[in-house]
Amino acid sequence: MLPQPETKYRPFEPIRLTDRQWPSRSIAKPPIWMSTDLRDGNQALFEPMNGEKKMRMFHMLCDIGFKEIEVAFPSASQTDFDFVRELIEEGHVPEDVTIEVLTQAREHLIRRTMESVRGARRAIVHVYNATSEPFRDMVFGMSKAQVVDMAVSAVTLIKTLAAEMPETEVVLEYSPETFTATELDFALEVCDAVTAAWGATPDNKVILNLPTTVEVATPNVYADQIEWMHRNLARRDSVLISLHPHNDRGTAVAAAELGLMAGADRVEGCLFGNGERTGNVDLVTLALNMYTQGVNPGLDFSDINAVARTAEACTRLPIHPRHPYVGDLVFTAFSGSHQDAIKKGFAAHKVAGDNGTGAWNVPYLPIDPADVGRSYDSVIRVNSQSGKGGIAYLLESEYGVVMPRRLQVEFSGVVQAHTDSQGGEVSAADIWALFSSTYLEPKGGIHYREHHLFEHGGVQGIRLRVEINGQPHLLTGEGNGPIDAAVHALQGAGIRVQVRSFEERAMGPSGEAGEARACAFMEVAGAGGECYGVGMDGNIVTASIKALISGVSRQGVAAFQVAA
């Protein structure tokens, strides 16, 4: 058993912010996005990206629409330093994109970092030092005054070196590392000292990154911390508050959303949440969450499959199949009740809007898969847990067969028996093969060959050629229409059959000629009970007669005495 937690762990003290405003706010506009896939995300990999993969990832991030990209920790390795130089010297950075580099608050590392961005049009230099009590006391053995001095000295050096490279606009970003575990009044002291040392103005803003270096509390506590800083920072009009949530408690997305409501301007993270230790905030999820609330995130994920495949190729990290919005199975429903609701939702959406362009309101799907470049093919997939709704949806969407409800129930039993015996998932093609063998080519003893209609005494007559138990037969009958005549022809041959219900539907163009096909569904009763028959043909009368013969064949006509 786990040890008693109250004897080992201390709960994080809540912030005394009695008039907090963030709970009544919503996100009305996107933040400034900053991707750290090439730095924090890269440091989290078993095998860091080489230059080729980093370049491929960089260009993809630019294509998605990121305007700020943290590209490296240039003082950490020659590979990172060389990558920054390659971006600058070979002109890979678009005019509207700013690269960012990270450094610790140490003189030799800062100098190396500044040298890496020389010649860039614009660069964000991100410097950090830890500020929380455990780091001050146990890791560095520094007083609060020494921590402040370390931050101010680093900023002053960056400012001095920036003045020596006027061709490059240097933007300062400062992070009080371990912000969420730092006393708020001390975090404020350090940040105010930094903005003063830089000389921050509304035209020369400092980015203050307030990270959840380690998540130590629930997201609402982080939001309180951000709102408190937002209210109390000096030179607030000269500061951009940035969020860098990590995912130790699994709540990075929520922390980012609440932090934006609390007054933050900017978010740092990785596309799919990879980053040091438990990962960074997942920017795809965060952005598409906004999208589902009617806020354009300003990032282009219209081909999410291409983004996912590129990220996987570059990082060698698989994306979970149930990852929000992106996973291969995230828009996939196996559950019968889910499939039924989705199928009905699709139908209602198509009717409500102009060919489906109305407000999105489909059960179980918070986003239209088509918006992120996903087809509807994989929305409903069938296994042993599936029901009639999913089966009906696949036949309709893939093959144009719109089954009557009772036929859906009947055929779902056929599919269920197949999945129970075979196991695993069945594809739309598998379902079509089952449908064809069950209804269009049933294995009973009677098969349609051809028919000829004639008029006789004001009634409809039919000469129906069939094969029964392998032997050809010509059956003749009359009635008030072709179907009734065919029923009498069968009854005259000793085959008991009654039509319970009949529906016909067009299936749309098919084949090289592009002719519309008709599909007939006939519920018949006979010696073998009640069942459905299905017929398909370019001619609706022929499709109807085929449906009748299909139903009769499924009754087990081989056991009937057929008249000579």
Protein backbone atom coordinates (compact mmCIF):
# COMPACT_ATOMS: atom_id res chain seq x y z
CA MET A 1 0.00 0.00 0.00
CA LEU A 2 1.01 3.61 -0.50
CA PRO A 3 2.25 5.35 2.65
CA GLN A 4 -0.15 7.76 4.29
CA PRO A 5 0.20 10.89 2.11
CA GLU A 6 -0.52 13.39 4.91
CA THR A 7 2.64 12.28 6.68
CA LYS A 8 4.82 12.69 3.60
CA TYR A 9 3.44 15.41 1.33
CA ARG A 10 2.37 18.97 2.04
CA PRO A 11 -0.62 20.42 0.19
CA PHE A 12 0.15 23.63 -1.65
CA GLU A 13 -1.19 26.67 0.14
CA PRO A 14 -3.89 28.45 -1.90
CA ILE A 15 -3.45 32.07 -2.93
CA ARG A 16 -5.46 34.53 -0.84
CA LEU A 17 -7.09 36.23 -3.82
CA THR A 18 -10.64 36.80 -2.64
CA ASP A 19 -11.68 39.02 -5.55
CA ARG A 20 -10.24 36.90 -8.36
CA GLN A 21 -11.65 37.78 -11.77
CA TRP A 22 -10.53 34.91 -13.99
CA PRO A 23 -13.39 32.48 -13.15
CA SER A 24 -15.92 34.74 -14.88
CA ARG A 25 -13.80 35.24 -18.00
CA SER A 26 -13.50 33.26 -21.21
CA ILE A 27 -10.79 33.13 -23.87
CA ALA A 28 -11.84 35.55 -26.59
CA LYS A 29 -8.63 35.76 -28.64
CA PRO A 30 -5.57 33.59 -29.21
CA PRO A 31 -2.36 34.20 -27.30
CA ILE A 32 1.03 34.85 -28.82
CA TRP A 33 2.20 31.32 -29.58
CA MET A 34 5.77 30.20 -29.02
CA SER A 35 6.88 26.72 -30.02
CA THR A 36 9.67 25.15 -28.00
CA ASP A 37 9.64 21.89 -29.97
CA LEU A 38 13.18 22.48 -31.17
CA ARG A 39 14.55 23.20 -27.68
CA ASP A 40 12.59 21.90 -24.70
CA GLY A 41 10.93 19.28 -26.88
CA ASN A 42 14.24 18.27 -28.40
CA GLN A 43 15.90 17.92 -24.99
CA ALA A 44 13.23 15.38 -24.03
CA LEU A 45 14.06 12.93 -26.82
CA PHE A 46 15.92 9.64 -26.44
CA GLU A 47 17.84 10.67 -29.52
CA PRO A 48 17.85 14.44 -30.13
CA MET A 49 17.05 15.62 -33.64
CA ASN A 50 19.93 16.09 -36.03
CA GLY A 51 20.26 19.24 -38.13
CA GLU A 52 18.18 17.86 -40.99
CA LYS A 53 15.26 16.91 -38.76
CA LYS A 54 15.43 20.20 -36.85
CA MET A 55 15.28 22.09 -40.14
CA ARG A 56 12.32 20.03 -41.32
CA MET A 57 10.52 20.71 -38.04
CA PHE A 58 11.38 24.41 -38.17
CA HIS A 59 9.87 24.86 -41.62
CA MET A 60 6.74 22.96 -40.60
CA LEU A 61 6.31 25.22 -37.56
CA CYS A 62 6.60 28.26 -39.83
CA ASP A 63 4.01 26.77 -42.22
CA ILE A 64 1.61 26.18 -39.31
CA GLY A 65 1.85 29.86 -38.44
CA PHE A 66 4.15 30.16 -35.43
CA LYS A 67 5.76 33.60 -35.34
CA GLU A 68 8.05 32.86 -32.40
CA ILE A 69 10.07 29.64 -32.29
CA GLU A 70 12.61 28.67 -29.65
CA VAL A 71 15.20 26.99 -31.83
CA ALA A 72 18.03 25.95 -29.55
CA PHE A 73 20.06 26.09 -26.34
CA PRO A 74 23.14 27.25 -28.28
CA SER A 75 25.56 27.26 -25.36
CA ALA A 76 24.73 23.63 -24.55
CA SER A 77 26.21 22.00 -27.66
CA GLN A 78 27.96 22.75 -30.91
CA THR A 79 25.05 21.13 -32.76
CA ASP A 80 22.60 23.65 -31.34
CA PHE A 81 24.96 26.58 -31.94
CA ASP A 82 25.55 25.53 -35.55
CA PHE A 83 21.82 25.11 -36.16
CA VAL A 84 21.13 28.72 -35.10
CA ARG A 85 23.91 29.94 -37.38
CA GLU A 86 22.56 27.90 -40.28
CA LEU A 87 19.09 29.40 -39.84
CA ILE A 88 20.51 32.91 -39.92
CA GLU A 89 23.28 32.62 -42.48
CA GLU A 90 21.30 30.59 -45.02
CA GLY A 91 18.18 32.75 -44.77
CA HIS A 92 15.74 30.15 -43.45
CA VAL A 93 13.93 32.51 -41.07
CA PRO A 94 10.89 34.22 -42.66
CA GLU A 95 10.60 37.99 -42.23
CA ASP A 96 7.63 37.65 -39.88
CA VAL A 97 9.18 34.94 -37.68
CA THR A 98 11.37 35.57 -34.63
CA ILE A 99 13.76 32.92 -33.41
CA GLU A 100 14.36 32.44 -29.69
CA VAL A 101 17.35 31.01 -27.83
CA LEU A 102 17.68 29.94 -24.20
CA THR A 103 20.52 30.46 -21.74
CA GLN A 104 21.17 30.12 -18.05
CA ALA A 105 22.08 33.29 -16.16
CA ARG A 106 25.85 32.70 -16.38
CA GLU A 107 28.26 35.06 -18.11
CA HIS A 108 30.10 32.61 -20.38
CA LEU A 109 26.84 30.96 -21.46
CA ILE A 110 25.23 34.32 -22.16
CA ARG A 111 28.17 35.45 -24.31
CA ARG A 112 28.08 32.23 -26.32
CA THR A 113 24.31 32.57 -26.76
CA MET A 114 24.51 36.18 -27.93
CA GLU A 115 27.18 35.22 -30.45
CA SER A 116 24.87 32.58 -31.91
CA VAL A 117 22.16 35.12 -32.87
CA ARG A 118 24.47 37.77 -34.30
CA GLY A 119 23.17 38.94 -37.65
CA ALA A 120 19.57 37.82 -37.10
CA ARG A 121 16.89 40.34 -37.98
CA ARG A 122 15.20 39.83 -34.59
CA ALA A 123 15.92 37.38 -31.78
CA ILE A 124 14.44 36.68 -28.36
CA VAL A 125 17.12 35.92 -25.79
CA HIS A 126 15.56 33.90 -22.99
CA VAL A 127 17.51 33.88 -19.72
CA TYR A 128 16.50 32.15 -16.52
CA ASN A 129 17.53 31.35 -12.96
CA ALA A 130 15.75 29.38 -10.25
CA THR A 131 14.02 31.45 -7.55
CA SER A 132 12.16 29.07 -5.21
CA GLU A 133 13.24 28.38 -1.63
CA PRO A 134 14.38 24.75 -2.19
CA PHE A 135 16.66 25.86 -5.04
CA ARG A 136 17.94 28.88 -3.12
CA ASP A 137 18.73 26.83 -0.02
CA MET A 138 19.54 23.31 -1.22
CA VAL A 139 20.77 23.65 -4.80
CA PHE A 140 22.60 26.97 -4.99
CA GLY A 141 23.03 28.07 -1.38
CA MET A 142 22.03 31.64 -2.27
CA SER A 143 20.14 34.34 -0.43
CA LYS A 144 17.19 36.17 -1.97
CA ALA A 145 19.42 39.20 -2.62
CA GLN A 146 21.94 37.04 -4.44
CA VAL A 147 19.20 35.51 -6.60
CA VAL A 148 17.98 38.99 -7.58
CA ASP A 149 21.52 40.11 -8.30
CA MET A 150 22.12 37.07 -10.49
CA ALA A 151 19.05 37.88 -12.60
CA VAL A 152 19.85 41.59 -12.88
CA SER A 153 23.51 40.95 -13.76
CA ALA A 154 22.49 38.55 -16.53
CA VAL A 155 20.00 41.03 -17.98
CA THR A 156 22.52 43.86 -17.81
CA LEU A 157 25.08 41.78 -19.71
CA ILE A 158 22.55 40.87 -22.40
CA LYS A 159 21.66 44.54 -22.76
CA THR A 160 25.32 45.49 -23.13
CA LEU A 161 26.02 42.80 -25.71
CA ALA A 162 22.84 43.64 -27.63
CA ALA A 163 24.06 47.22 -28.00
CA GLU A 164 27.19 45.85 -29.73
CA MET A 165 25.10 44.18 -32.46
CA PRO A 166 22.70 46.90 -33.65
CA GLU A 167 21.83 44.92 -36.78
CA THR A 168 19.87 42.52 -34.55
CA GLU A 169 16.81 43.54 -32.56
CA VAL A 170 17.19 41.71 -29.27
CA VAL A 171 14.06 41.07 -27.21
CA LEU A 172 14.52 40.02 -23.60
CA GLU A 173 12.65 37.12 -22.04
CA TYR A 174 13.21 36.32 -18.40
CA SER A 175 11.99 33.28 -16.47
CA PRO A 176 12.01 32.93 -12.71
CA GLU A 177 12.45 29.16 -12.94
CA THR A 178 10.28 27.22 -10.45
CA PHE A 179 7.91 30.20 -10.37
CA THR A 180 4.93 28.20 -9.07
CA ALA A 181 6.94 27.12 -6.00
CA THR A 182 8.34 30.63 -5.38
CA GLU A 183 6.85 33.03 -2.86
CA LEU A 184 4.76 35.43 -4.93
CA ASP A 185 6.14 38.58 -3.35
CA PHE A 186 9.69 37.42 -4.11
CA ALA A 187 8.82 36.42 -7.69
CA LEU A 188 7.41 39.91 -8.12
CA GLU A 189 10.59 41.46 -6.68
CA VAL A 190 12.83 39.58 -9.12
CA CYS A 191 10.64 40.32 -12.15
CA ASP A 192 10.36 44.03 -11.34
CA ALA A 193 14.13 44.23 -10.90
CA VAL A 194 14.61 42.64 -14.32
CA THR A 195 12.23 44.97 -16.16
CA ALA A 196 13.89 47.96 -14.47
CA ALA A 197 17.37 46.80 -15.46
CA TRP A 198 16.30 46.31 -19.07
CA GLY A 199 14.47 49.65 -19.16
CA ALA A 200 11.22 48.13 -20.35
CA THR A 201 8.78 50.44 -22.13
CA PRO A 202 5.57 49.88 -24.08
CA ASP A 203 7.69 49.96 -27.26
CA ASN A 204 10.41 47.76 -25.80
CA LYS A 205 8.52 45.13 -23.86
CA VAL A 206 10.07 42.41 -21.75
CA ILE A 207 8.60 38.92 -21.88
CA LEU A 208 8.19 37.61 -18.35
CA ASN A 209 7.77 33.87 -18.55
CA LEU A 210 6.05 32.49 -15.43
CA PRO A 211 6.43 28.73 -15.79
CA THR A 212 4.97 25.78 -13.99
CA THR A 213 8.46 24.30 -14.06
CA VAL A 214 6.92 21.60 -11.91
CA GLU A 215 3.15 21.46 -11.44
CA VAL A 216 2.68 21.69 -7.70
CA ALA A 217 -1.04 22.49 -7.41
CA THR A 218 -4.33 22.47 -9.25
CA PRO A 219 -4.74 24.73 -12.30
CA ASN A 220 -6.89 27.23 -10.41
CA VAL A 221 -3.96 27.96 -8.08
CA TYR A 222 -1.75 28.71 -11.10
CA ALA A 223 -4.45 31.03 -12.42
CA ASP A 224 -4.51 32.86 -9.07
CA GLN A 225 -0.72 33.25 -9.21
CA ILE A 226 -0.89 34.66 -12.74
CA GLU A 227 -3.70 37.05 -11.89
CA TRP A 228 -1.83 38.27 -8.78
CA MET A 229 1.28 38.95 -10.86
CA HIS A 230 -0.82 40.55 -13.61
CA ARG A 231 -2.28 42.99 -11.05
CA ASN A 232 0.91 43.76 -9.18
CA LEU A 233 3.72 43.90 -11.74
CA ALA A 234 5.39 47.27 -12.19
CA ARG A 235 5.42 48.49 -15.82
CA ARG A 236 2.58 46.11 -16.71
CA ASP A 237 2.08 47.94 -19.99
CA SER A 238 5.70 47.17 -20.82
CA VAL A 239 5.48 43.44 -20.07
CA LEU A 240 4.16 40.38 -21.90
CA ILE A 241 3.22 37.65 -19.42
CA SER A 242 4.08 34.26 -20.88
CA LEU A 243 2.99 30.83 -19.68
CA HIS A 244 5.15 27.71 -19.87
CA PRO A 245 3.09 24.95 -18.26
CA HIS A 246 4.62 21.56 -17.65
CA ASN A 247 2.45 18.51 -17.20
CA ASP A 248 3.54 16.85 -13.94
CA ARG A 249 -0.05 16.62 -12.69
CA GLY A 250 -1.50 16.05 -16.16
CA THR A 251 -3.23 19.44 -16.14
CA ALA A 252 -1.00 21.59 -18.36
CA VAL A 253 -3.74 22.40 -20.87
CA ALA A 254 -6.14 23.45 -18.12
CA ALA A 255 -3.41 25.50 -16.43
CA ALA A 256 -2.71 27.32 -19.70
CA GLU A 257 -6.38 28.02 -20.35
CA LEU A 258 -6.98 29.38 -16.86
CA GLY A 259 -3.71 31.32 -17.01
CA LEU A 260 -4.87 33.08 -20.17
CA MET A 261 -8.14 33.95 -18.46
CA ALA A 262 -6.08 35.34 -15.59
CA GLY A 263 -4.29 37.88 -17.79
CA ALA A 264 -1.43 36.15 -19.61
CA ASP A 265 -0.55 37.20 -23.16
CA ARG A 266 1.58 34.35 -24.47
CA VAL A 267 1.94 30.55 -24.28
CA GLU A 268 5.01 28.38 -24.76
CA GLY A 269 4.79 24.67 -25.44
CA CYS A 270 5.29 21.81 -27.88
CA LEU A 271 2.96 20.64 -30.61
CA PHE A 272 2.08 17.36 -28.95
CA GLY A 273 3.20 18.10 -25.42
CA ASN A 274 6.63 16.47 -25.40
CA GLY A 275 9.20 18.23 -23.25
CA GLU A 276 11.46 17.67 -20.27
CA ARG A 277 10.21 15.09 -17.75
CA THR A 278 6.40 14.85 -18.06
CA GLY A 279 6.16 17.15 -21.04
CA ASN A 280 5.05 20.67 -21.85
CA VAL A 281 1.60 21.94 -22.61
CA ASP A 282 0.17 20.41 -25.78
CA LEU A 283 -0.25 23.33 -28.19
CA VAL A 284 -2.36 21.42 -30.71
CA THR A 285 -4.90 20.54 -28.03
CA LEU A 286 -4.82 24.05 -26.58
CA ALA A 287 -5.30 25.70 -29.98
CA LEU A 288 -8.06 23.37 -31.15
CA ASN A 289 -9.85 23.73 -27.81
CA MET A 290 -10.09 27.44 -28.63
CA TYR A 291 -11.21 26.61 -32.17
CA THR A 292 -14.16 24.56 -30.88
CA GLN A 293 -15.26 27.61 -28.86
CA GLY A 294 -15.40 29.84 -31.92
CA VAL A 295 -11.95 31.42 -31.48
CA ASN A 296 -9.61 31.25 -34.46
CA PRO A 297 -6.27 30.23 -32.91
CA GLY A 298 -4.23 31.64 -35.78
CA LEU A 299 -2.46 28.31 -36.28
CA ASP A 300 -3.19 26.14 -39.31
CA PHE A 301 -3.97 22.54 -38.38
CA SER A 302 -6.17 21.91 -41.43
CA ASP A 303 -3.96 18.93 -42.38
CA ILE A 304 -3.37 17.49 -38.93
CA ASN A 305 -2.28 14.12 -40.30
CA ALA A 306 0.68 15.73 -42.11
CA VAL A 307 1.66 17.60 -38.94
CA ALA A 308 1.44 14.43 -36.87
CA ARG A 309 3.45 12.31 -39.29
CA THR A 310 6.20 14.96 -39.55
CA ALA A 311 6.41 15.30 -35.77
CA GLU A 312 6.61 11.53 -35.34
CA ALA A 313 9.32 11.24 -38.00
CA CYS A 314 11.42 14.00 -36.46
CA THR A 315 11.02 13.11 -32.77
CA ARG A 316 10.54 9.33 -33.04
CA LEU A 317 7.82 9.70 -30.45
CA PRO A 318 4.49 8.05 -31.33
CA ILE A 319 1.27 10.00 -30.96
CA HIS A 320 -1.26 8.16 -28.82
CA PRO A 321 -4.16 6.81 -30.92
CA ARG A 322 -6.62 8.55 -28.58
CA HIS A 323 -4.72 11.86 -28.47
CA PRO A 324 -7.26 14.73 -28.53
CA TYR A 325 -8.03 15.85 -32.09
CA VAL A 326 -4.98 14.07 -33.58
CA GLY A 327 -4.88 10.39 -32.59
CA ASP A 328 -5.69 7.85 -35.26
CA LEU A 329 -8.73 6.69 -33.26
CA VAL A 330 -9.85 9.98 -31.71
CA PHE A 331 -12.73 10.42 -34.16
CA THR A 332 -13.49 6.71 -34.14
CA ALA A 333 -16.46 5.19 -32.35
CA PHE A 334 -16.76 1.44 -31.83
CA SER A 335 -19.57 1.63 -29.27
CA GLY A 336 -22.97 0.91 -30.77
CA SER A 337 -24.78 3.68 -28.88
CA HIS A 338 -22.08 6.20 -29.83
CA GLN A 339 -22.28 5.17 -33.47
CA ASP A 340 -26.04 5.51 -33.53
CA ALA A 341 -25.88 9.02 -32.04
CA ILE A 342 -23.13 10.12 -34.44
CA LYS A 343 -25.02 8.76 -37.45
CA LYS A 344 -28.16 10.66 -36.44
CA GLY A 345 -26.13 13.77 -35.71
CA PHE A 346 -24.55 13.72 -39.17
CA ALA A 347 -27.98 13.38 -40.76
CA ALA A 348 -29.44 16.25 -38.71
CA HIS A 349 -26.42 18.47 -39.43
CA LYS A 350 -26.78 17.92 -43.14
CA VAL A 351 -30.46 18.85 -43.03
CA ALA A 352 -29.99 21.86 -40.69
CA GLY A 353 -27.22 23.55 -42.65
CA ASP A 354 -26.59 24.37 -46.27
CA ASN A 355 -25.29 20.93 -47.23
CA GLY A 356 -23.87 20.56 -43.74
CA THR A 357 -22.45 24.06 -43.27
CA GLY A 358 -24.62 24.99 -40.30
CA ALA A 359 -23.40 25.24 -36.71
CA TRP A 360 -21.57 22.05 -35.74
CA ASN A 361 -23.56 20.04 -33.21
CA VAL A 362 -22.86 16.36 -33.75
CA PRO A 363 -22.97 14.09 -30.66
CA TYR A 364 -19.59 12.81 -29.43
CA LEU A 365 -17.65 14.94 -31.94
CA PRO A 366 -16.63 18.33 -30.48
CA ILE A 367 -14.96 19.26 -33.77
CA ASP A 368 -15.78 18.52 -37.39
CA PRO A 369 -13.09 16.02 -38.47
CA ALA A 370 -13.04 17.64 -41.90
CA ASP A 371 -11.75 20.90 -40.39
CA VAL A 372 -8.47 19.20 -39.50
CA GLY A 373 -8.24 17.28 -42.75
CA ARG A 374 -9.63 14.02 -41.42
CA SER A 375 -12.12 12.12 -43.55
CA TYR A 376 -15.32 10.65 -42.21
CA ASP A 377 -14.16 7.18 -43.25
CA SER A 378 -12.71 6.36 -39.85
CA VAL A 379 -15.33 8.08 -37.70
CA ILE A 380 -17.34 4.89 -37.28
CA ARG A 381 -15.59 1.55 -37.21
CA VAL A 382 -17.06 -1.78 -36.30
CA ASN A 383 -15.97 -4.48 -33.88
CA SER A 384 -17.78 -6.77 -31.44
CA GLN A 385 -18.85 -3.75 -29.34
CA SER A 386 -20.58 -2.04 -32.24
CA GLY A 387 -24.28 -1.74 -32.99
CA LYS A 388 -26.57 -1.19 -35.90
CA GLY A 389 -25.88 2.54 -36.13
CA GLY A 390 -22.22 2.14 -37.01
CA ILE A 391 -22.90 -0.61 -39.52
CA ALA A 392 -25.62 1.43 -41.18
CA TYR A 393 -23.39 4.49 -41.33
CA LEU A 394 -20.57 2.64 -43.06
CA LEU A 395 -22.86 1.09 -45.66
CA GLU A 396 -24.48 4.45 -46.34
CA SER A 397 -21.30 6.53 -46.46
CA GLU A 398 -19.18 4.02 -48.39
CA TYR A 399 -21.72 2.24 -50.62
CA GLY A 400 -24.82 4.42 -50.70
CA VAL A 401 -27.04 1.78 -49.10
CA VAL A 402 -29.57 3.41 -46.74
CA MET A 403 -31.09 0.51 -44.84
CA PRO A 404 -34.57 0.54 -43.24
CA ARG A 405 -34.36 0.46 -39.46
CA ARG A 406 -35.58 -3.13 -39.07
CA LEU A 407 -33.04 -4.26 -41.64
CA GLN A 408 -30.35 -2.46 -39.61
CA VAL A 409 -31.36 -4.56 -36.60
CA GLU A 410 -31.40 -7.78 -38.62
CA PHE A 411 -28.06 -7.21 -40.34
CA SER A 412 -26.32 -6.07 -37.14
CA GLY A 413 -26.94 -9.60 -35.85
CA VAL A 414 -25.13 -10.99 -38.88
CA VAL A 415 -22.14 -8.69 -38.30
CA GLN A 416 -22.15 -9.41 -34.56
CA ALA A 417 -21.98 -13.15 -35.21
CA HIS A 418 -19.06 -12.58 -37.58
CA THR A 419 -17.08 -10.41 -35.15
CA ASP A 420 -17.77 -12.79 -32.27
CA SER A 421 -16.40 -15.71 -34.26
CA GLN A 422 -13.55 -13.93 -36.04
CA GLY A 423 -12.58 -11.32 -33.43
CA GLY A 424 -11.02 -7.93 -34.11
CA GLU A 425 -12.30 -5.08 -36.23
CA VAL A 426 -14.20 -5.31 -39.51
CA SER A 427 -13.74 -2.75 -42.26
CA ALA A 428 -16.38 -1.17 -44.48
CA ALA A 429 -15.28 -3.57 -47.23
CA ASP A 430 -15.75 -6.52 -44.84
CA ILE A 431 -19.24 -5.31 -43.98
CA TRP A 432 -20.09 -4.89 -47.66
CA ALA A 433 -18.90 -8.43 -48.37
CA LEU A 434 -21.12 -9.72 -45.54
CA PHE A 435 -24.06 -7.67 -46.81
CA SER A 436 -23.59 -8.97 -50.35
CA SER A 437 -23.29 -12.61 -49.33
CA THR A 438 -26.27 -12.31 -46.97
CA TYR A 439 -28.71 -10.37 -49.15
CA LEU A 440 -27.51 -9.91 -52.74
CA GLU A 441 -26.14 -13.43 -53.22
CA PRO A 442 -27.82 -15.49 -50.50
CA LYS A 443 -26.92 -19.14 -50.30
CA GLY A 444 -30.53 -20.39 -50.33
CA GLY A 445 -31.91 -22.68 -53.00
CA ILE A 446 -33.49 -20.09 -55.34
CA HIS A 447 -31.74 -17.59 -57.60
CA TYR A 448 -33.08 -14.96 -59.98
CA ARG A 449 -32.16 -15.24 -63.65
CA GLU A 450 -34.54 -12.99 -65.61
CA HIS A 451 -38.14 -11.93 -65.97
CA HIS A 452 -40.58 -10.67 -68.62
CA LEU A 453 -43.70 -8.64 -67.88
CA PHE A 454 -46.93 -8.79 -69.92
CA GLU A 455 -50.48 -7.45 -69.72
CA HIS A 456 -53.40 -9.91 -69.60
CA GLY A 457 -56.99 -8.92 -69.14
CA GLY A 458 -56.17 -5.65 -67.40
CA VAL A 459 -53.81 -7.29 -64.90
CA GLN A 460 -50.04 -7.49 -64.78
CA GLY A 461 -48.44 -10.79 -65.69
CA ILE A 462 -44.90 -12.06 -65.23
CA ARG A 463 -42.82 -14.90 -66.58
CA LEU A 464 -40.09 -15.40 -64.01
CA ARG A 465 -37.04 -17.53 -64.75
CA VAL A 466 -35.32 -18.78 -61.60
CA GLU A 467 -32.99 -21.56 -60.59
CA ILE A 468 -34.15 -23.73 -57.70
CA ASN A 469 -31.78 -26.23 -56.15
CA GLY A 470 -29.64 -25.96 -59.27
CA GLN A 471 -32.52 -26.63 -61.66
CA PRO A 472 -34.02 -23.99 -64.04
CA HIS A 473 -37.71 -23.16 -63.61
CA LEU A 474 -40.12 -20.85 -65.43
CA LEU A 475 -42.77 -19.53 -63.07
CA THR A 476 -45.82 -17.60 -64.25
CA GLY A 477 -48.18 -15.43 -62.28
CA GLU A 478 -50.57 -12.49 -62.45
CA GLY A 479 -51.38 -9.69 -60.04
CA ASN A 480 -52.13 -6.01 -59.62
CA GLY A 481 -48.48 -5.11 -60.26
CA PRO A 482 -45.09 -6.69 -60.96
CA ILE A 483 -44.36 -7.58 -57.32
CA ASP A 484 -47.82 -9.02 -56.70
CA ALA A 485 -47.53 -11.01 -59.94
CA ALA A 486 -44.14 -12.37 -58.85
CA VAL A 487 -45.56 -13.36 -55.44
CA HIS A 488 -48.38 -15.29 -57.17
CA ALA A 489 -45.85 -16.93 -59.50
CA LEU A 490 -43.90 -18.19 -56.49
CA GLN A 491 -47.05 -19.28 -54.66
CA GLY A 492 -48.18 -21.17 -57.77
CA ALA A 493 -44.95 -23.13 -57.55
CA GLY A 494 -45.68 -24.07 -53.94
CA ILE A 495 -43.47 -21.42 -52.36
CA ARG A 496 -45.38 -19.66 -49.57
CA VAL A 497 -44.42 -16.00 -49.34
CA GLN A 498 -46.04 -12.75 -48.22
CA VAL A 499 -44.65 -9.22 -48.52
CA ARG A 500 -44.67 -7.41 -45.16
CA SER A 501 -43.01 -4.16 -46.22
CA PHE A 502 -41.29 -2.69 -49.23
CA GLU A 503 -38.99 0.30 -49.69
CA GLU A 504 -36.97 1.49 -52.64
CA ARG A 505 -34.16 4.05 -52.74
CA ALA A 506 -31.78 5.44 -55.31
CA MET A 507 -28.09 4.75 -54.72
CA GLY A 508 -26.61 7.42 -57.02
CA PRO A 509 -24.37 7.03 -60.09
CA SER A 510 -22.39 3.82 -60.35
CA GLY A 511 -20.08 2.30 -62.94
CA GLU A 512 -18.57 3.73 -66.08
CA ALA A 513 -21.91 4.80 -67.54
CA GLY A 514 -22.69 6.79 -64.40
CA GLU A 515 -26.26 5.45 -64.30
CA ALA A 516 -28.15 5.67 -61.04
CA ARG A 517 -28.82 2.32 -59.36
CA ALA A 518 -31.96 1.42 -57.48
CA CYS A 519 -31.97 -0.52 -54.24
CA ALA A 520 -35.08 -2.35 -53.09
CA PHE A 521 -35.68 -3.67 -49.56
CA MET A 522 -38.42 -6.20 -49.04
CA GLU A 523 -39.50 -7.76 -45.76
CA VAL A 524 -41.08 -11.13 -46.49
CA ALA A 525 -42.80 -13.81 -44.42
CA GLY A 526 -42.94 -17.50 -45.24
CA ALA A 527 -42.24 -20.95 -43.94
CA GLY A 528 -38.89 -19.80 -42.56
CA GLY A 529 -40.32 -16.85 -40.62
CA GLU A 530 -39.75 -13.19 -41.45
CA CYS A 531 -36.62 -11.72 -42.99
CA TYR A 532 -35.40 -9.12 -45.42
CA GLY A 533 -34.37 -9.47 -49.03
CA VAL A 534 -32.42 -6.86 -50.96
CA GLY A 535 -32.12 -6.28 -54.68
CA MET A 536 -30.03 -3.85 -56.71
CA ASP A 537 -30.37 -2.98 -60.36
CA GLY A 538 -30.50 -0.05 -62.76
CA ASN A 539 -34.22 -0.78 -63.13
CA ILE A 540 -36.39 -0.41 -60.02
CA VAL A 541 -38.80 -3.21 -61.04
CA THR A 542 -35.92 -5.61 -61.54
CA ALA A 543 -34.38 -4.51 -58.21
CA SER A 544 -37.75 -5.19 -56.51
CA ILE A 545 -38.10 -8.67 -57.95
CA LYS A 546 -34.51 -9.46 -57.00
CA ALA A 547 -35.32 -8.31 -53.44
CA LEU A 548 -38.30 -10.65 -53.35
CA ILE A 549 -36.23 -13.62 -54.58
CA SER A 550 -33.48 -12.68 -52.09
CA GLY A 551 -35.95 -12.82 -49.20
CA VAL A 552 -37.44 -16.09 -50.37
CA SER A 553 -34.01 -17.62 -50.78
CA ARG A 554 -33.09 -16.58 -47.24
CA GLN A 555 -36.28 -18.33 -46.04
CA GLY A 556 -34.73 -21.66 -46.99
CA VAL A 557 -36.80 -22.51 -50.05
CA ALA A 558 -34.76 -25.66 -50.65
CA ALA A 559 -37.03 -27.40 -48.17
CA PHE A 560 -40.19 -26.46 -50.12
CA GLN A 561 -41.96 -28.74 -52.55
CA VAL A 562 -41.68 -26.94 -55.90
CA ALA A 563 -44.38 -27.78 -58.45
CA ALA A 564 -43.12 -29.34 -61.66
